[in-house]
N, C-alpha and C. Protein backbone atom coordinates (compact mmCIF):
# COMPACT_ATOMS: atom_id res chain seq x y z
N UNK A 1 -9.87 -1.87 -24.37
CA UNK A 1 -10.17 -2.12 -23.00
C UNK A 1 -9.99 -3.59 -22.70
N UNK A 2 -9.68 -3.92 -21.51
CA UNK A 2 -9.54 -5.31 -21.12
C UNK A 2 -10.85 -5.88 -20.62
N UNK A 3 -10.84 -7.14 -20.27
CA UNK A 3 -12.03 -7.72 -19.67
C UNK A 3 -11.61 -8.59 -18.50
N UNK A 4 -12.58 -8.83 -17.62
CA UNK A 4 -12.28 -9.58 -16.41
C UNK A 4 -12.47 -11.06 -16.62
N UNK A 5 -11.71 -11.82 -15.88
CA UNK A 5 -11.79 -13.27 -15.96
C UNK A 5 -11.74 -13.80 -14.54
N UNK A 6 -12.65 -14.71 -14.22
CA UNK A 6 -12.65 -15.31 -12.88
C UNK A 6 -11.62 -16.41 -12.82
N UNK A 7 -10.98 -16.53 -11.67
CA UNK A 7 -9.95 -17.55 -11.44
C UNK A 7 -10.47 -18.49 -10.37
N UNK A 8 -10.32 -19.82 -10.57
CA UNK A 8 -10.79 -20.76 -9.53
C UNK A 8 -10.10 -20.50 -8.20
N UNK A 9 -10.80 -20.77 -7.13
CA UNK A 9 -10.24 -20.56 -5.80
C UNK A 9 -10.86 -19.36 -5.14
N UNK A 10 -10.09 -18.63 -4.34
CA UNK A 10 -10.63 -17.44 -3.67
C UNK A 10 -11.10 -16.42 -4.70
N UNK A 11 -12.09 -15.58 -4.34
CA UNK A 11 -12.60 -14.61 -5.31
C UNK A 11 -11.50 -13.67 -5.80
N UNK A 12 -11.13 -13.79 -7.06
CA UNK A 12 -10.09 -12.97 -7.66
C UNK A 12 -10.52 -12.60 -9.07
N UNK A 13 -10.23 -11.39 -9.49
CA UNK A 13 -10.50 -10.97 -10.86
C UNK A 13 -9.17 -10.62 -11.50
N UNK A 14 -8.93 -11.17 -12.68
CA UNK A 14 -7.69 -10.94 -13.39
C UNK A 14 -7.98 -10.16 -14.65
N UNK A 15 -7.27 -9.08 -14.88
CA UNK A 15 -7.44 -8.28 -16.08
C UNK A 15 -6.76 -9.01 -17.23
N UNK A 16 -7.51 -9.37 -18.27
CA UNK A 16 -6.98 -10.15 -19.38
C UNK A 16 -7.06 -9.37 -20.67
N UNK A 17 -6.41 -9.88 -21.71
CA UNK A 17 -6.44 -9.21 -23.00
C UNK A 17 -7.85 -9.14 -23.54
N UNK A 18 -8.13 -8.08 -24.29
CA UNK A 18 -9.46 -7.85 -24.83
C UNK A 18 -9.69 -8.65 -26.11
N UNK A 19 -10.95 -8.77 -26.46
CA UNK A 19 -11.32 -9.44 -27.71
C UNK A 19 -11.21 -8.42 -28.83
N UNK A 20 -10.91 -8.86 -30.08
CA UNK A 20 -10.80 -7.92 -31.19
C UNK A 20 -12.08 -7.12 -31.41
N UNK A 21 -11.94 -5.84 -31.69
CA UNK A 21 -13.01 -4.90 -31.99
C UNK A 21 -14.02 -4.72 -30.86
N UNK A 22 -13.66 -5.05 -29.65
CA UNK A 22 -14.54 -4.87 -28.50
C UNK A 22 -13.99 -3.74 -27.64
N UNK A 23 -14.70 -2.61 -27.63
CA UNK A 23 -14.23 -1.45 -26.88
C UNK A 23 -14.75 -1.42 -25.45
N UNK A 24 -15.97 -1.93 -25.25
CA UNK A 24 -16.58 -1.92 -23.93
C UNK A 24 -16.99 -3.34 -23.59
N UNK A 25 -16.65 -3.78 -22.41
CA UNK A 25 -17.04 -5.12 -21.96
C UNK A 25 -17.34 -5.08 -20.47
N UNK A 26 -18.15 -6.03 -20.03
CA UNK A 26 -18.54 -6.08 -18.63
C UNK A 26 -17.49 -6.80 -17.80
N UNK A 27 -17.31 -6.30 -16.59
CA UNK A 27 -16.44 -6.95 -15.62
C UNK A 27 -17.32 -7.73 -14.66
N UNK A 28 -16.78 -8.76 -14.04
CA UNK A 28 -17.54 -9.44 -12.98
C UNK A 28 -17.78 -8.47 -11.82
N UNK A 29 -18.74 -8.78 -11.00
CA UNK A 29 -19.01 -7.93 -9.83
C UNK A 29 -17.80 -7.97 -8.91
N UNK A 30 -17.36 -6.80 -8.50
CA UNK A 30 -16.18 -6.68 -7.64
C UNK A 30 -16.61 -6.37 -6.22
N UNK A 31 -15.95 -6.98 -5.26
CA UNK A 31 -16.16 -6.63 -3.86
C UNK A 31 -15.10 -5.60 -3.49
N UNK A 32 -15.55 -4.45 -3.03
CA UNK A 32 -14.64 -3.36 -2.70
C UNK A 32 -14.48 -3.31 -1.19
N UNK A 33 -13.23 -3.48 -0.74
CA UNK A 33 -12.93 -3.47 0.69
C UNK A 33 -11.95 -2.33 0.97
N UNK A 34 -12.38 -1.31 1.71
CA UNK A 34 -11.46 -0.21 2.02
C UNK A 34 -10.35 -0.67 2.96
N UNK A 35 -9.15 -0.19 2.71
CA UNK A 35 -8.00 -0.53 3.56
C UNK A 35 -6.98 0.60 3.47
N UNK A 36 -6.15 0.69 4.49
CA UNK A 36 -5.09 1.70 4.48
C UNK A 36 -4.03 1.29 3.47
N UNK A 37 -3.63 2.22 2.64
CA UNK A 37 -2.64 1.93 1.59
C UNK A 37 -1.31 1.47 2.18
N UNK A 38 -0.95 2.00 3.33
CA UNK A 38 0.35 1.64 3.92
C UNK A 38 0.38 0.18 4.41
N UNK A 39 -0.79 -0.43 4.62
CA UNK A 39 -0.84 -1.80 5.11
C UNK A 39 -1.00 -2.83 3.99
N UNK A 40 -1.14 -2.38 2.75
CA UNK A 40 -1.33 -3.30 1.63
C UNK A 40 0.01 -3.69 1.01
N UNK A 41 0.12 -4.94 0.61
CA UNK A 41 1.29 -5.41 -0.13
C UNK A 41 0.79 -5.80 -1.52
N UNK A 42 0.87 -4.85 -2.44
CA UNK A 42 0.31 -5.05 -3.77
C UNK A 42 1.43 -5.34 -4.76
N UNK A 43 1.28 -6.44 -5.51
CA UNK A 43 2.28 -6.84 -6.49
C UNK A 43 1.56 -7.27 -7.77
N UNK A 44 2.11 -6.94 -8.92
CA UNK A 44 1.54 -7.29 -10.23
C UNK A 44 0.11 -6.78 -10.38
N UNK A 45 -0.15 -5.56 -9.94
CA UNK A 45 -1.47 -4.97 -10.05
C UNK A 45 -1.41 -3.68 -10.86
N UNK A 46 -2.54 -3.36 -11.46
CA UNK A 46 -2.68 -2.11 -12.21
C UNK A 46 -3.59 -1.19 -11.42
N UNK A 47 -3.14 0.02 -11.15
CA UNK A 47 -3.99 1.01 -10.50
C UNK A 47 -4.90 1.59 -11.58
N UNK A 48 -6.16 1.16 -11.56
CA UNK A 48 -7.12 1.52 -12.60
C UNK A 48 -8.08 2.57 -12.08
N UNK A 49 -8.23 3.70 -12.78
CA UNK A 49 -9.20 4.70 -12.33
C UNK A 49 -10.63 4.21 -12.55
N UNK A 50 -11.52 4.55 -11.62
CA UNK A 50 -12.94 4.20 -11.73
C UNK A 50 -13.70 5.52 -11.87
N UNK A 51 -14.44 5.66 -12.98
CA UNK A 51 -15.19 6.88 -13.28
C UNK A 51 -16.69 6.63 -13.19
N UNK A 52 -17.46 7.70 -13.04
CA UNK A 52 -18.91 7.61 -12.98
C UNK A 52 -19.48 7.37 -14.37
N UNK A 53 -19.05 8.14 -15.36
CA UNK A 53 -19.58 8.03 -16.73
C UNK A 53 -18.44 7.84 -17.72
N UNK A 54 -18.82 7.51 -18.96
CA UNK A 54 -17.81 7.31 -20.01
C UNK A 54 -17.08 8.59 -20.37
N UNK A 55 -17.71 9.74 -20.16
CA UNK A 55 -17.03 11.00 -20.45
C UNK A 55 -16.00 11.33 -19.37
N UNK A 56 -15.91 10.46 -18.38
CA UNK A 56 -14.95 10.56 -17.28
C UNK A 56 -15.18 11.75 -16.37
N UNK A 57 -16.40 12.30 -16.44
CA UNK A 57 -16.82 13.32 -15.47
C UNK A 57 -18.34 13.39 -15.49
N UNK A 58 -18.92 13.88 -14.41
CA UNK A 58 -20.37 14.02 -14.36
C UNK A 58 -20.74 15.48 -14.55
N UNK A 59 -22.01 15.82 -14.35
CA UNK A 59 -22.49 17.18 -14.58
C UNK A 59 -21.79 18.21 -13.68
N UNK A 60 -21.35 17.78 -12.50
CA UNK A 60 -20.68 18.70 -11.58
C UNK A 60 -19.19 18.82 -11.87
N UNK A 61 -18.68 18.11 -12.88
CA UNK A 61 -17.28 18.17 -13.22
C UNK A 61 -16.42 17.18 -12.46
N UNK A 62 -17.05 16.39 -11.59
CA UNK A 62 -16.33 15.40 -10.82
C UNK A 62 -16.24 14.13 -11.64
N UNK A 63 -15.07 13.54 -11.71
CA UNK A 63 -14.92 12.36 -12.55
C UNK A 63 -14.52 11.12 -11.79
N UNK A 64 -13.29 11.06 -11.40
CA UNK A 64 -12.76 9.84 -10.78
C UNK A 64 -13.37 9.63 -9.40
N UNK A 65 -13.88 8.41 -9.18
CA UNK A 65 -14.47 8.06 -7.90
C UNK A 65 -13.40 7.52 -6.96
N UNK A 66 -12.63 6.54 -7.46
CA UNK A 66 -11.53 5.97 -6.69
C UNK A 66 -10.61 5.22 -7.65
N UNK A 67 -9.54 4.66 -7.13
CA UNK A 67 -8.60 3.88 -7.92
C UNK A 67 -8.70 2.42 -7.47
N UNK A 68 -8.92 1.52 -8.43
CA UNK A 68 -9.02 0.09 -8.12
C UNK A 68 -7.71 -0.60 -8.51
N UNK A 69 -7.28 -1.54 -7.69
CA UNK A 69 -6.09 -2.34 -8.01
C UNK A 69 -6.56 -3.65 -8.62
N UNK A 70 -6.23 -3.88 -9.90
CA UNK A 70 -6.62 -5.10 -10.60
C UNK A 70 -5.39 -5.92 -10.94
N UNK A 71 -5.46 -7.22 -10.69
CA UNK A 71 -4.33 -8.10 -11.03
C UNK A 71 -4.24 -8.24 -12.54
N UNK A 72 -3.01 -8.33 -13.04
CA UNK A 72 -2.79 -8.51 -14.46
C UNK A 72 -1.47 -9.25 -14.69
N UNK A 73 -1.44 -10.19 -15.64
CA UNK A 73 -0.17 -10.86 -15.95
C UNK A 73 0.75 -9.98 -16.81
N UNK A 74 0.17 -9.00 -17.53
CA UNK A 74 0.97 -8.11 -18.36
C UNK A 74 1.54 -6.97 -17.51
N UNK A 75 2.54 -6.31 -18.05
CA UNK A 75 3.12 -5.15 -17.37
C UNK A 75 2.08 -4.03 -17.34
N UNK A 76 1.97 -3.28 -16.25
CA UNK A 76 0.96 -2.22 -16.17
C UNK A 76 1.03 -1.20 -17.31
N UNK A 77 2.21 -0.97 -17.87
CA UNK A 77 2.32 -0.01 -18.98
C UNK A 77 1.50 -0.45 -20.19
N UNK A 78 1.31 -1.76 -20.38
CA UNK A 78 0.49 -2.27 -21.48
C UNK A 78 -0.93 -1.69 -21.39
N UNK A 79 -1.50 -1.69 -20.19
CA UNK A 79 -2.87 -1.22 -19.99
C UNK A 79 -2.93 0.30 -19.95
N UNK A 80 -1.91 0.94 -19.40
CA UNK A 80 -1.90 2.40 -19.33
C UNK A 80 -1.87 3.00 -20.73
N UNK A 81 -1.08 2.42 -21.63
CA UNK A 81 -1.01 2.92 -23.00
C UNK A 81 -2.33 2.73 -23.75
N UNK A 82 -3.14 1.74 -23.34
CA UNK A 82 -4.43 1.52 -23.97
C UNK A 82 -5.54 2.34 -23.32
N UNK A 83 -5.24 3.04 -22.25
CA UNK A 83 -6.22 3.89 -21.59
C UNK A 83 -7.31 3.13 -20.87
N UNK A 84 -6.98 2.01 -20.25
CA UNK A 84 -7.98 1.18 -19.57
C UNK A 84 -8.52 1.91 -18.34
N UNK A 85 -9.84 1.85 -18.18
CA UNK A 85 -10.52 2.44 -17.02
C UNK A 85 -11.80 1.66 -16.75
N UNK A 86 -12.28 1.73 -15.53
CA UNK A 86 -13.57 1.14 -15.18
C UNK A 86 -14.59 2.27 -15.15
N UNK A 87 -15.79 1.99 -15.67
CA UNK A 87 -16.86 2.99 -15.74
C UNK A 87 -18.09 2.41 -15.05
N UNK A 88 -18.71 3.19 -14.16
CA UNK A 88 -19.87 2.71 -13.42
C UNK A 88 -21.15 2.77 -14.26
N UNK A 89 -21.33 3.81 -15.08
CA UNK A 89 -22.52 3.96 -15.92
C UNK A 89 -22.08 4.04 -17.38
N UNK A 90 -22.54 3.10 -18.20
CA UNK A 90 -22.14 3.04 -19.61
C UNK A 90 -23.25 3.59 -20.47
N UNK A 91 -22.91 4.46 -21.42
CA UNK A 91 -23.86 5.00 -22.39
C UNK A 91 -23.82 4.14 -23.65
N UNK A 92 -24.84 3.35 -23.87
CA UNK A 92 -24.87 2.52 -25.07
C UNK A 92 -25.55 3.24 -26.19
């Protein structure tokens, strides 16, 4: 899994390479702003699924809450092959 890194300037979160042997890490608090997809100009972003639990579904069988666009310097396929996802509730 990757981890978030704050960038100086306007509030931005950049998906960065993970630390060795670290499977779960905390992301900075994200501000979620709804917008129409047709009006967005998204470049160098990874469409990351956001799930309620680590099992990627809850008791009702519902899993994915929404898709978050995270900036990344790597190609999105790098993160897709690693199965990166955001989880709202972590089971430690």
